[in-house]
Amino acid sequence: MPLEISKKDRITVITILQPTLEVNNVPALWDEIEPILPNTVQLVIDLSRVEFIDSTGFGIFLNCVKRLGGRNGELKICGLSDKLAALFRLMAFERLVGIHKTSEEAIAAFEE
């Protein structure tokens, strides 16, 4: 699964470069994200290049929240298309994660 991973101070930013997160590619994505989590407290996942997410894709975010939450960590999501933003709202994800338009806004929200 193509990812870009960067750090800004204590914040890790993962940009998912794949246009879909679905049952056939989510295990490979999790294999790349999972090893990052033990050393991460503040995580931003940038979905600006993602067009479609199925239920297994949403499971990735729930797993991240669970792993980070055990260490008082936090997940923020950014770059949602209008269609994905509506789906995140429908599933009430804003109760679990911060949702921001850009990675810069998500990073700034950690610094507040």
PDB file of N, CA and C in Angstrom:
ATOM      1  N   MET A   1       0.860  -1.182   0.000  1.00  0.00           N
ATOM      2  CA  MET A   1       0.000   0.000   0.000  1.00  0.00           C
ATOM      3  C   MET A   1       0.894   1.230   0.000  1.00  0.00           C
ATOM      4  N   PRO A   2       0.745   2.077  -0.977  1.00  0.00           N
ATOM      5  CA  PRO A   2       1.581   3.277  -1.020  1.00  0.00           C
ATOM      6  C   PRO A   2       1.166   4.293   0.044  1.00  0.00           C
ATOM      7  N   LEU A   3       2.152   4.664   0.856  1.00  0.00           N
ATOM      8  CA  LEU A   3       1.957   5.662   1.901  1.00  0.00           C
ATOM      9  C   LEU A   3       3.100   6.654   1.859  1.00  0.00           C
ATOM     10  N   GLU A   4       2.847   7.850   2.348  1.00  0.00           N
ATOM     11  CA  GLU A   4       3.904   8.796   2.658  1.00  0.00           C
ATOM     12  C   GLU A   4       3.827   9.016   4.155  1.00  0.00           C
ATOM     13  N   ILE A   5       4.954   8.918   4.826  1.00  0.00           N
ATOM     14  CA  ILE A   5       4.993   9.116   6.270  1.00  0.00           C
ATOM     15  C   ILE A   5       5.977  10.233   6.555  1.00  0.00           C
ATOM     16  N   SER A   6       5.519  11.210   7.332  1.00  0.00           N
ATOM     17  CA  SER A   6       6.394  12.307   7.720  1.00  0.00           C
ATOM     18  C   SER A   6       6.160  12.620   9.190  1.00  0.00           C
ATOM     19  N   LYS A   7       7.089  13.371   9.775  1.00  0.00           N
ATOM     20  CA  LYS A   7       6.964  13.773  11.171  1.00  0.00           C
ATOM     21  C   LYS A   7       7.162  15.270  11.274  1.00  0.00           C
ATOM     22  N   LYS A   8       6.377  15.869  12.142  1.00  0.00           N
ATOM     23  CA  LYS A   8       6.581  17.265  12.508  1.00  0.00           C
ATOM     24  C   LYS A   8       6.581  17.303  14.024  1.00  0.00           C
ATOM     25  N   ASP A   9       7.758  17.423  14.572  1.00  0.00           N
ATOM     26  CA  ASP A   9       7.936  17.339  16.017  1.00  0.00           C
ATOM     27  C   ASP A   9       7.405  15.981  16.495  1.00  0.00           C
ATOM     28  N   ARG A  10       6.404  15.980  17.372  1.00  0.00           N
ATOM     29  CA  ARG A  10       5.873  14.713  17.899  1.00  0.00           C
ATOM     30  C   ARG A  10       4.695  14.183  17.094  1.00  0.00           C
ATOM     31  N   ILE A  11       4.366  14.842  16.015  1.00  0.00           N
ATOM     32  CA  ILE A  11       3.188  14.478  15.221  1.00  0.00           C
ATOM     33  C   ILE A  11       3.620  13.666  14.003  1.00  0.00           C
ATOM     34  N   THR A  12       3.001  12.504  13.832  1.00  0.00           N
ATOM     35  CA  THR A  12       3.231  11.680  12.647  1.00  0.00           C
ATOM     36  C   THR A  12       2.090  11.909  11.666  1.00  0.00           C
ATOM     37  N   VAL A  13       2.442  12.147  10.403  1.00  0.00           N
ATOM     38  CA  VAL A  13       1.445  12.353   9.363  1.00  0.00           C
ATOM     39  C   VAL A  13       1.578  11.223   8.345  1.00  0.00           C
ATOM     40  N   ILE A  14       0.490  10.503   8.145  1.00  0.00           N
ATOM     41  CA  ILE A  14       0.444   9.438   7.148  1.00  0.00           C
ATOM     42  C   ILE A  14      -0.491   9.890   6.041  1.00  0.00           C
ATOM     43  N   THR A  15       0.035   9.970   4.818  1.00  0.00           N
ATOM     44  CA  THR A  15      -0.792  10.276   3.660  1.00  0.00           C
ATOM     45  C   THR A  15      -1.001   8.984   2.887  1.00  0.00           C
ATOM     46  N   ILE A  16      -2.246   8.597   2.738  1.00  0.00           N
ATOM     47  CA  ILE A  16      -2.572   7.384   1.994  1.00  0.00           C
ATOM     48  C   ILE A  16      -2.690   7.758   0.520  1.00  0.00           C
ATOM     49  N   LEU A  17      -1.891   7.115  -0.309  1.00  0.00           N
ATOM     50  CA  LEU A  17      -1.812   7.466  -1.719  1.00  0.00           C
ATOM     51  C   LEU A  17      -2.721   6.612  -2.602  1.00  0.00           C
ATOM     52  N   GLN A  18      -3.303   5.591  -2.033  1.00  0.00           N
ATOM     53  CA  GLN A  18      -4.201   4.677  -2.745  1.00  0.00           C
ATOM     54  C   GLN A  18      -5.593   5.306  -2.829  1.00  0.00           C
ATOM     55  N   PRO A  19      -6.290   5.231  -3.966  1.00  0.00           N
ATOM     56  CA  PRO A  19      -7.605   5.866  -4.069  1.00  0.00           C
ATOM     57  C   PRO A  19      -8.734   5.135  -3.343  1.00  0.00           C
ATOM     58  N   THR A  20      -8.514   3.882  -2.976  1.00  0.00           N
ATOM     59  CA  THR A  20      -9.567   3.140  -2.271  1.00  0.00           C
ATOM     60  C   THR A  20      -8.995   2.430  -1.056  1.00  0.00           C
ATOM     61  N   LEU A  21      -9.828   2.337  -0.020  1.00  0.00           N
ATOM     62  CA  LEU A  21      -9.522   1.528   1.157  1.00  0.00           C
ATOM     63  C   LEU A  21     -10.648   0.508   1.256  1.00  0.00           C
ATOM     64  N   GLU A  22     -10.338  -0.707   0.844  1.00  0.00           N
ATOM     65  CA  GLU A  22     -11.366  -1.738   0.805  1.00  0.00           C
ATOM     66  C   GLU A  22     -10.759  -3.077   1.194  1.00  0.00           C
ATOM     67  N   VAL A  23     -11.599  -4.064   1.286  1.00  0.00           N
ATOM     68  CA  VAL A  23     -11.229  -5.362   1.837  1.00  0.00           C
ATOM     69  C   VAL A  23      -9.967  -5.946   1.198  1.00  0.00           C
ATOM     70  N   ASN A  24      -9.731  -5.699  -0.069  1.00  0.00           N
ATOM     71  CA  ASN A  24      -8.570  -6.322  -0.714  1.00  0.00           C
ATOM     72  C   ASN A  24      -7.260  -5.592  -0.453  1.00  0.00           C
ATOM     73  N   ASN A  25      -7.279  -4.354   0.054  1.00  0.00           N
ATOM     74  CA  ASN A  25      -6.012  -3.682   0.310  1.00  0.00           C
ATOM     75  C   ASN A  25      -5.824  -3.202   1.747  1.00  0.00           C
ATOM     76  N   VAL A  26      -6.852  -3.290   2.573  1.00  0.00           N
ATOM     77  CA  VAL A  26      -6.741  -2.843   3.962  1.00  0.00           C
ATOM     78  C   VAL A  26      -5.719  -3.655   4.767  1.00  0.00           C
ATOM     79  N   PRO A  27      -5.636  -4.983   4.624  1.00  0.00           N
ATOM     80  CA  PRO A  27      -4.613  -5.705   5.402  1.00  0.00           C
ATOM     81  C   PRO A  27      -3.192  -5.206   5.129  1.00  0.00           C
ATOM     82  N   ALA A  28      -2.875  -4.888   3.886  1.00  0.00           N
ATOM     83  CA  ALA A  28      -1.549  -4.373   3.566  1.00  0.00           C
ATOM     84  C   ALA A  28      -1.342  -2.992   4.191  1.00  0.00           C
ATOM     85  N   LEU A  29      -2.387  -2.174   4.195  1.00  0.00           N
ATOM     86  CA  LEU A  29      -2.295  -0.859   4.825  1.00  0.00           C
ATOM     87  C   LEU A  29      -2.047  -1.006   6.324  1.00  0.00           C
ATOM     88  N   TRP A  30      -2.800  -1.881   6.975  1.00  0.00           N
ATOM     89  CA  TRP A  30      -2.635  -2.080   8.410  1.00  0.00           C
ATOM     90  C   TRP A  30      -1.226  -2.601   8.718  1.00  0.00           C
ATOM     91  N   ASP A  31      -0.689  -3.458   7.871  1.00  0.00           N
ATOM     92  CA  ASP A  31       0.675  -3.970   8.067  1.00  0.00           C
ATOM     93  C   ASP A  31       1.708  -2.846   8.049  1.00  0.00           C
ATOM     94  N   GLU A  32       1.416  -1.758   7.354  1.00  0.00           N
ATOM     95  CA  GLU A  32       2.333  -0.622   7.321  1.00  0.00           C
ATOM     96  C   GLU A  32       2.090   0.359   8.462  1.00  0.00           C
ATOM     97  N   ILE A  33       0.845   0.526   8.858  1.00  0.00           N
ATOM     98  CA  ILE A  33       0.511   1.488   9.917  1.00  0.00           C
ATOM     99  C   ILE A  33       0.794   0.925  11.307  1.00  0.00           C
ATOM    100  N   GLU A  34       0.467  -0.317  11.528  1.00  0.00           N
ATOM    101  CA  GLU A  34       0.571  -0.900  12.876  1.00  0.00           C
ATOM    102  C   GLU A  34       1.955  -0.725  13.509  1.00  0.00           C
ATOM    103  N   PRO A  35       3.058  -0.955  12.794  1.00  0.00           N
ATOM    104  CA  PRO A  35       4.368  -0.794  13.434  1.00  0.00           C
ATOM    105  C   PRO A  35       4.707   0.652  13.824  1.00  0.00           C
ATOM    106  N   ILE A  36       4.018   1.603  13.242  1.00  0.00           N
ATOM    107  CA  ILE A  36       4.259   3.010  13.558  1.00  0.00           C
ATOM    108  C   ILE A  36       3.605   3.403  14.879  1.00  0.00           C
ATOM    109  N   LEU A  37       2.508   2.768  15.224  1.00  0.00           N
ATOM    110  CA  LEU A  37       1.685   3.200  16.351  1.00  0.00           C
ATOM    111  C   LEU A  37       2.363   3.138  17.715  1.00  0.00           C
ATOM    112  N   PRO A  38       3.193   2.137  18.025  1.00  0.00           N
ATOM    113  CA  PRO A  38       3.792   2.137  19.365  1.00  0.00           C
ATOM    114  C   PRO A  38       4.662   3.363  19.671  1.00  0.00           C
ATOM    115  N   ASN A  39       5.186   4.018  18.656  1.00  0.00           N
ATOM    116  CA  ASN A  39       6.028   5.194  18.857  1.00  0.00           C
ATOM    117  C   ASN A  39       5.308   6.488  18.508  1.00  0.00           C
ATOM    118  N   THR A  40       3.993   6.424  18.420  1.00  0.00           N
ATOM    119  CA  THR A  40       3.204   7.582  18.001  1.00  0.00           C
ATOM    120  C   THR A  40       2.165   7.909  19.053  1.00  0.00           C
ATOM    121  N   VAL A  41       2.042   9.191  19.363  1.00  0.00           N
ATOM    122  CA  VAL A  41       1.001   9.653  20.272  1.00  0.00           C
ATOM    123  C   VAL A  41       0.016  10.545  19.525  1.00  0.00           C
ATOM    124  N   GLN A  42       0.533  11.361  18.624  1.00  0.00           N
ATOM    125  CA  GLN A  42      -0.309  12.253  17.841  1.00  0.00           C
ATOM    126  C   GLN A  42      -0.188  11.849  16.373  1.00  0.00           C
ATOM    127  N   LEU A  43      -1.311  11.436  15.793  1.00  0.00           N
ATOM    128  CA  LEU A  43      -1.312  10.910  14.434  1.00  0.00           C
ATOM    129  C   LEU A  43      -2.328  11.646  13.569  1.00  0.00           C
ATOM    130  N   VAL A  44      -1.875  12.041  12.383  1.00  0.00           N
ATOM    131  CA  VAL A  44      -2.761  12.614  11.364  1.00  0.00           C
ATOM    132  C   VAL A  44      -2.776  11.641  10.200  1.00  0.00           C
ATOM    133  N   ILE A  45      -3.966  11.272   9.742  1.00  0.00           N
ATOM    134  CA  ILE A  45      -4.096  10.474   8.521  1.00  0.00           C
ATOM    135  C   ILE A  45      -4.752  11.358   7.470  1.00  0.00           C
ATOM    136  N   ASP A  46      -4.004  11.588   6.400  1.00  0.00           N
ATOM    137  CA  ASP A  46      -4.450  12.441   5.300  1.00  0.00           C
ATOM    138  C   ASP A  46      -5.094  11.564   4.228  1.00  0.00           C
ATOM    139  N   LEU A  47      -6.367  11.804   3.991  1.00  0.00           N
ATOM    140  CA  LEU A  47      -7.142  11.016   3.028  1.00  0.00           C
ATOM    141  C   LEU A  47      -7.460  11.817   1.765  1.00  0.00           C
ATOM    142  N   SER A  48      -6.676  12.834   1.470  1.00  0.00           N
ATOM    143  CA  SER A  48      -6.979  13.705   0.337  1.00  0.00           C
ATOM    144  C   SER A  48      -6.927  12.987  -1.009  1.00  0.00           C
ATOM    145  N   ARG A  49      -6.249  11.860  -1.080  1.00  0.00           N
ATOM    146  CA  ARG A  49      -6.184  11.110  -2.343  1.00  0.00           C
ATOM    147  C   ARG A  49      -7.121   9.902  -2.359  1.00  0.00           C
ATOM    148  N   VAL A  50      -7.869   9.728  -1.286  1.00  0.00           N
ATOM    149  CA  VAL A  50      -8.772   8.576  -1.176  1.00  0.00           C
ATOM    150  C   VAL A  50     -10.169   8.971  -1.653  1.00  0.00           C
ATOM    151  N   GLU A  51     -10.745   8.123  -2.497  1.00  0.00           N
ATOM    152  CA  GLU A  51     -12.066   8.382  -3.060  1.00  0.00           C
ATOM    153  C   GLU A  51     -13.152   7.470  -2.497  1.00  0.00           C
ATOM    154  N   PHE A  52     -12.756   6.301  -1.975  1.00  0.00           N
ATOM    155  CA  PHE A  52     -13.727   5.313  -1.511  1.00  0.00           C
ATOM    156  C   PHE A  52     -13.179   4.574  -0.300  1.00  0.00           C
ATOM    157  N   ILE A  53     -14.030   4.373   0.706  1.00  0.00           N
ATOM    158  CA  ILE A  53     -13.662   3.602   1.900  1.00  0.00           C
ATOM    159  C   ILE A  53     -14.816   2.669   2.211  1.00  0.00           C
ATOM    160  N   ASP A  54     -14.516   1.361   2.346  1.00  0.00           N
ATOM    161  CA  ASP A  54     -15.570   0.437   2.763  1.00  0.00           C
ATOM    162  C   ASP A  54     -15.447   0.197   4.269  1.00  0.00           C
ATOM    163  N   SER A  55     -16.252  -0.693   4.805  1.00  0.00           N
ATOM    164  CA  SER A  55     -16.287  -0.900   6.258  1.00  0.00           C
ATOM    165  C   SER A  55     -14.946  -1.400   6.807  1.00  0.00           C
ATOM    166  N   THR A  56     -14.225  -2.190   6.033  1.00  0.00           N
ATOM    167  CA  THR A  56     -12.911  -2.635   6.527  1.00  0.00           C
ATOM    168  C   THR A  56     -11.945  -1.466   6.587  1.00  0.00           C
ATOM    169  N   GLY A  57     -12.085  -0.521   5.674  1.00  0.00           N
ATOM    170  CA  GLY A  57     -11.253   0.680   5.713  1.00  0.00           C
ATOM    171  C   GLY A  57     -11.512   1.490   6.974  1.00  0.00           C
ATOM    172  N   PHE A  58     -12.777   1.617   7.351  1.00  0.00           N
ATOM    173  CA  PHE A  58     -13.100   2.340   8.579  1.00  0.00           C
ATOM    174  C   PHE A  58     -12.540   1.630   9.805  1.00  0.00           C
ATOM    175  N   GLY A  59     -12.402   0.314   9.717  1.00  0.00           N
ATOM    176  CA  GLY A  59     -11.807  -0.440  10.821  1.00  0.00           C
ATOM    177  C   GLY A  59     -10.388  -0.007  11.137  1.00  0.00           C
ATOM    178  N   ILE A  60      -9.646   0.419  10.128  1.00  0.00           N
ATOM    179  CA  ILE A  60      -8.285   0.926  10.341  1.00  0.00           C
ATOM    180  C   ILE A  60      -8.307   2.100  11.314  1.00  0.00           C
ATOM    181  N   PHE A  61      -9.226   3.026  11.098  1.00  0.00           N
ATOM    182  CA  PHE A  61      -9.292   4.213  11.945  1.00  0.00           C
ATOM    183  C   PHE A  61      -9.688   3.853  13.376  1.00  0.00           C
ATOM    184  N   LEU A  62     -10.629   2.918  13.512  1.00  0.00           N
ATOM    185  CA  LEU A  62     -11.022   2.476  14.848  1.00  0.00           C
ATOM    186  C   LEU A  62      -9.857   1.797  15.577  1.00  0.00           C
ATOM    187  N   ASN A  63      -9.093   0.986  14.855  1.00  0.00           N
ATOM    188  CA  ASN A  63      -7.919   0.351  15.463  1.00  0.00           C
ATOM    189  C   ASN A  63      -6.890   1.391  15.888  1.00  0.00           C
ATOM    190  N   CYS A  64      -6.700   2.403  15.073  1.00  0.00           N
ATOM    191  CA  CYS A  64      -5.758   3.473  15.440  1.00  0.00           C
ATOM    192  C   CYS A  64      -6.220   4.196  16.697  1.00  0.00           C
ATOM    193  N   VAL A  65      -7.509   4.532  16.770  1.00  0.00           N
ATOM    194  CA  VAL A  65      -8.055   5.207  17.953  1.00  0.00           C
ATOM    195  C   VAL A  65      -7.840   4.351  19.193  1.00  0.00           C
ATOM    196  N   LYS A  66      -8.103   3.062  19.075  1.00  0.00           N
ATOM    197  CA  LYS A  66      -7.945   2.151  20.210  1.00  0.00           C
ATOM    198  C   LYS A  66      -6.484   2.095  20.663  1.00  0.00           C
ATOM    199  N   ARG A  67      -5.565   1.917  19.739  1.00  0.00           N
ATOM    200  CA  ARG A  67      -4.137   1.819  20.085  1.00  0.00           C
ATOM    201  C   ARG A  67      -3.603   3.129  20.657  1.00  0.00           C
ATOM    202  N   LEU A  68      -3.963   4.238  20.031  1.00  0.00           N
ATOM    203  CA  LEU A  68      -3.475   5.537  20.510  1.00  0.00           C
ATOM    204  C   LEU A  68      -4.117   5.913  21.838  1.00  0.00           C
ATOM    205  N   GLY A  69      -5.397   5.618  21.982  1.00  0.00           N
ATOM    206  CA  GLY A  69      -6.119   5.966  23.200  1.00  0.00           C
ATOM    207  C   GLY A  69      -5.573   5.296  24.439  1.00  0.00           C
ATOM    208  N   GLY A  70      -5.007   4.113  24.267  1.00  0.00           N
ATOM    209  CA  GLY A  70      -4.403   3.409  25.400  1.00  0.00           C
ATOM    210  C   GLY A  70      -3.187   4.121  25.967  1.00  0.00           C
ATOM    211  N   ARG A  71      -2.659   5.085  25.204  1.00  0.00           N
ATOM    212  CA  ARG A  71      -1.491   5.859  25.656  1.00  0.00           C
ATOM    213  C   ARG A  71      -1.803   7.351  25.675  1.00  0.00           C
ATOM    214  N   ASN A  72      -3.080   7.688  25.812  1.00  0.00           N
ATOM    215  CA  ASN A  72      -3.522   9.085  25.771  1.00  0.00           C
ATOM    216  C   ASN A  72      -3.144   9.761  24.458  1.00  0.00           C
ATOM    217  N   GLY A  73      -3.107   8.989  23.392  1.00  0.00           N
ATOM    218  CA  GLY A  73      -2.822   9.531  22.077  1.00  0.00           C
ATOM    219  C   GLY A  73      -4.096   9.964  21.387  1.00  0.00           C
ATOM    220  N   GLU A  74      -3.917  10.528  20.203  1.00  0.00           N
ATOM    221  CA  GLU A  74      -5.072  11.066  19.497  1.00  0.00           C
ATOM    222  C   GLU A  74      -4.863  10.953  17.995  1.00  0.00           C
ATOM    223  N   LEU A  75      -5.964  10.703  17.283  1.00  0.00           N
ATOM    224  CA  LEU A  75      -5.976  10.623  15.833  1.00  0.00           C
ATOM    225  C   LEU A  75      -6.775  11.783  15.263  1.00  0.00           C
ATOM    226  N   LYS A  76      -6.223  12.381  14.215  1.00  0.00           N
ATOM    227  CA  LYS A  76      -6.954  13.389  13.454  1.00  0.00           C
ATOM    228  C   LYS A  76      -6.950  12.958  11.990  1.00  0.00           C
ATOM    229  N   ILE A  77      -8.059  13.199  11.321  1.00  0.00           N
ATOM    230  CA  ILE A  77      -8.226  12.829   9.912  1.00  0.00           C
ATOM    231  C   ILE A  77      -8.384  14.119   9.120  1.00  0.00           C
ATOM    232  N   CYS A  78      -7.786  14.154   7.935  1.00  0.00           N
ATOM    233  CA  CYS A  78      -7.923  15.347   7.113  1.00  0.00           C
ATOM    234  C   CYS A  78      -8.028  14.968   5.640  1.00  0.00           C
ATOM    235  N   GLY A  79      -8.399  15.968   4.842  1.00  0.00           N
ATOM    236  CA  GLY A  79      -8.414  15.796   3.402  1.00  0.00           C
ATOM    237  C   GLY A  79      -9.603  15.043   2.858  1.00  0.00           C
ATOM    238  N   LEU A  80     -10.702  15.036   3.581  1.00  0.00           N
ATOM    239  CA  LEU A  80     -11.875  14.282   3.125  1.00  0.00           C
ATOM    240  C   LEU A  80     -12.583  14.984   1.972  1.00  0.00           C
ATOM    241  N   SER A  81     -12.946  14.210   0.963  1.00  0.00           N
ATOM    242  CA  SER A  81     -13.822  14.734  -0.093  1.00  0.00           C
ATOM    243  C   SER A  81     -15.188  14.986   0.534  1.00  0.00           C
ATOM    244  N   ASP A  82     -16.035  15.721  -0.158  1.00  0.00           N
ATOM    245  CA  ASP A  82     -17.388  15.978   0.353  1.00  0.00           C
ATOM    246  C   ASP A  82     -18.133  14.676   0.609  1.00  0.00           C
ATOM    247  N   LYS A  83     -17.987  13.729  -0.304  1.00  0.00           N
ATOM    248  CA  LYS A  83     -18.668  12.435  -0.174  1.00  0.00           C
ATOM    249  C   LYS A  83     -18.177  11.680   1.070  1.00  0.00           C
ATOM    250  N   LEU A  84     -16.855  11.634   1.262  1.00  0.00           N
ATOM    251  CA  LEU A  84     -16.325  10.933   2.437  1.00  0.00           C
ATOM    252  C   LEU A  84     -16.645  11.688   3.725  1.00  0.00           C
ATOM    253  N   ALA A  85     -16.625  13.017   3.680  1.00  0.00           N
ATOM    254  CA  ALA A  85     -16.968  13.796   4.869  1.00  0.00           C
ATOM    255  C   ALA A  85     -18.397  13.489   5.317  1.00  0.00           C
ATOM    256  N   ALA A  86     -19.306  13.367   4.355  1.00  0.00           N
ATOM    257  CA  ALA A  86     -20.697  13.031   4.685  1.00  0.00           C
ATOM    258  C   ALA A  86     -20.780  11.650   5.324  1.00  0.00           C
ATOM    259  N   LEU A  87     -20.008  10.719   4.820  1.00  0.00           N
ATOM    260  CA  LEU A  87     -19.999   9.369   5.382  1.00  0.00           C
ATOM    261  C   LEU A  87     -19.424   9.362   6.803  1.00  0.00           C
ATOM    262  N   PHE A  88     -18.348  10.107   7.031  1.00  0.00           N
ATOM    263  CA  PHE A  88     -17.768  10.213   8.371  1.00  0.00           C
ATOM    264  C   PHE A  88     -18.774  10.822   9.342  1.00  0.00           C
ATOM    265  N   ARG A  89     -19.523  11.851   8.879  1.00  0.00           N
ATOM    266  CA  ARG A  89     -20.549  12.459   9.735  1.00  0.00           C
ATOM    267  C   ARG A  89     -21.665  11.467  10.034  1.00  0.00           C
ATOM    268  N   LEU A  90     -22.104  10.735   9.007  1.00  0.00           N
ATOM    269  CA  LEU A  90     -23.170   9.748   9.174  1.00  0.00           C
ATOM    270  C   LEU A  90     -22.787   8.699  10.218  1.00  0.00           C
ATOM    271  N   MET A  91     -21.521   8.332  10.226  1.00  0.00           N
ATOM    272  CA  MET A  91     -21.040   7.317  11.163  1.00  0.00           C
ATOM    273  C   MET A  91     -20.584   7.927  12.496  1.00  0.00           C
ATOM    274  N   ALA A  92     -20.765   9.235  12.660  1.00  0.00           N
ATOM    275  CA  ALA A  92     -20.438   9.969  13.889  1.00  0.00           C
ATOM    276  C   ALA A  92     -18.959   9.840  14.272  1.00  0.00           C
ATOM    277  N   PHE A  93     -18.093   9.806  13.288  1.00  0.00           N
ATOM    278  CA  PHE A  93     -16.665   9.679  13.558  1.00  0.00           C
ATOM    279  C   PHE A  93     -16.088  10.901  14.251  1.00  0.00           C
ATOM    280  N   GLU A  94     -16.754  12.059  14.099  1.00  0.00           N
ATOM    281  CA  GLU A  94     -16.219  13.255  14.754  1.00  0.00           C
ATOM    282  C   GLU A  94     -16.250  13.137  16.276  1.00  0.00           C
ATOM    283  N   ARG A  95     -16.972  12.169  16.804  1.00  0.00           N
ATOM    284  CA  ARG A  95     -16.959  11.909  18.250  1.00  0.00           C
ATOM    285  C   ARG A  95     -15.677  11.189  18.673  1.00  0.00           C
ATOM    286  N   LEU A  96     -15.043  10.500  17.722  1.00  0.00           N
ATOM    287  CA  LEU A  96     -13.853   9.714  18.023  1.00  0.00           C
ATOM    288  C   LEU A  96     -12.554  10.382  17.607  1.00  0.00           C
ATOM    289  N   VAL A  97     -12.610  11.128  16.521  1.00  0.00           N
ATOM    290  CA  VAL A  97     -11.396  11.722  15.956  1.00  0.00           C
ATOM    291  C   VAL A  97     -11.666  13.171  15.575  1.00  0.00           C
ATOM    292  N   GLY A  98     -10.597  13.947  15.543  1.00  0.00           N
ATOM    293  CA  GLY A  98     -10.719  15.296  15.003  1.00  0.00           C
ATOM    294  C   GLY A  98     -10.726  15.214  13.487  1.00  0.00           C
ATOM    295  N   ILE A  99     -11.618  15.948  12.855  1.00  0.00           N
ATOM    296  CA  ILE A  99     -11.694  15.954  11.392  1.00  0.00           C
ATOM    297  C   ILE A  99     -11.402  17.378  10.917  1.00  0.00           C
ATOM    298  N   HIS A 100     -10.426  17.485  10.010  1.00  0.00           N
ATOM    299  CA  HIS A 100      -9.950  18.784   9.550  1.00  0.00           C
ATOM    300  C   HIS A 100      -9.836  18.779   8.031  1.00  0.00           C
ATOM    301  N   LYS A 101      -9.859  19.971   7.447  1.00  0.00           N
ATOM    302  CA  LYS A 101      -9.778  20.075   5.989  1.00  0.00           C
ATOM    303  C   LYS A 101      -8.394  19.719   5.469  1.00  0.00           C
ATOM    304  N   THR A 102      -7.351  20.191   6.126  1.00  0.00           N
ATOM    305  CA  THR A 102      -5.986  19.980   5.634  1.00  0.00           C
ATOM    306  C   THR A 102      -5.097  19.413   6.728  1.00  0.00           C
ATOM    307  N   SER A 103      -3.965  18.868   6.318  1.00  0.00           N
ATOM    308  CA  SER A 103      -3.001  18.361   7.320  1.00  0.00           C
ATOM    309  C   SER A 103      -2.468  19.514   8.158  1.00  0.00           C
ATOM    310  N   GLU A 104      -2.301  20.676   7.559  1.00  0.00           N
ATOM    311  CA  GLU A 104      -1.824  21.839   8.325  1.00  0.00           C
ATOM    312  C   GLU A 104      -2.799  22.195   9.447  1.00  0.00           C
ATOM    313  N   GLU A 105      -4.098  22.150   9.155  1.00  0.00           N
ATOM    314  CA  GLU A 105      -5.108  22.430  10.176  1.00  0.00           C
ATOM    315  C   GLU A 105      -5.096  21.349  11.258  1.00  0.00           C
ATOM    316  N   ALA A 106      -4.944  20.103  10.855  1.00  0.00           N
ATOM    317  CA  ALA A 106      -4.902  19.001  11.826  1.00  0.00           C
ATOM    318  C   ALA A 106      -3.690  19.133  12.742  1.00  0.00           C
ATOM    319  N   ILE A 107      -2.550  19.452  12.167  1.00  0.00           N
ATOM    320  CA  ILE A 107      -1.321  19.626  12.961  1.00  0.00           C
ATOM    321  C   ILE A 107      -1.498  20.808  13.921  1.00  0.00           C
ATOM    322  N   ALA A 108      -2.041  21.909  13.421  1.00  0.00           N
ATOM    323  CA  ALA A 108      -2.257  23.075  14.261  1.00  0.00           C
ATOM    324  C   ALA A 108      -3.205  22.763  15.419  1.00  0.00           C
ATOM    325  N   ALA A 109      -4.187  21.898  15.185  1.00  0.00           N
ATOM    326  CA  ALA A 109      -5.132  21.537  16.250  1.00  0.00           C
ATOM    327  C   ALA A 109      -4.428  20.799  17.384  1.00  0.00           C
ATOM    328  N   PHE A 110      -3.378  20.030  17.083  1.00  0.00           N
ATOM    329  CA  PHE A 110      -2.607  19.379  18.143  1.00  0.00           C
ATOM    330  C   PHE A 110      -1.830  20.411  18.958  1.00  0.00           C
ATOM    331  N   GLU A 111      -1.453  21.487  18.320  1.00  0.00           N
ATOM    332  CA  GLU A 111      -0.608  22.482  18.970  1.00  0.00           C
ATOM    333  C   GLU A 111      -1.401  23.481  19.799  1.00  0.00           C
ATOM    334  N   GLU A 112      -2.736  23.416  19.738  1.00  0.00           N
ATOM    335  CA  GLU A 112      -3.579  24.344  20.508  1.00  0.00           C
ATOM    336  C   GLU A 112      -3.584  23.999  21.976  1.00  0.00           C
TER     337      GLU A 112
END
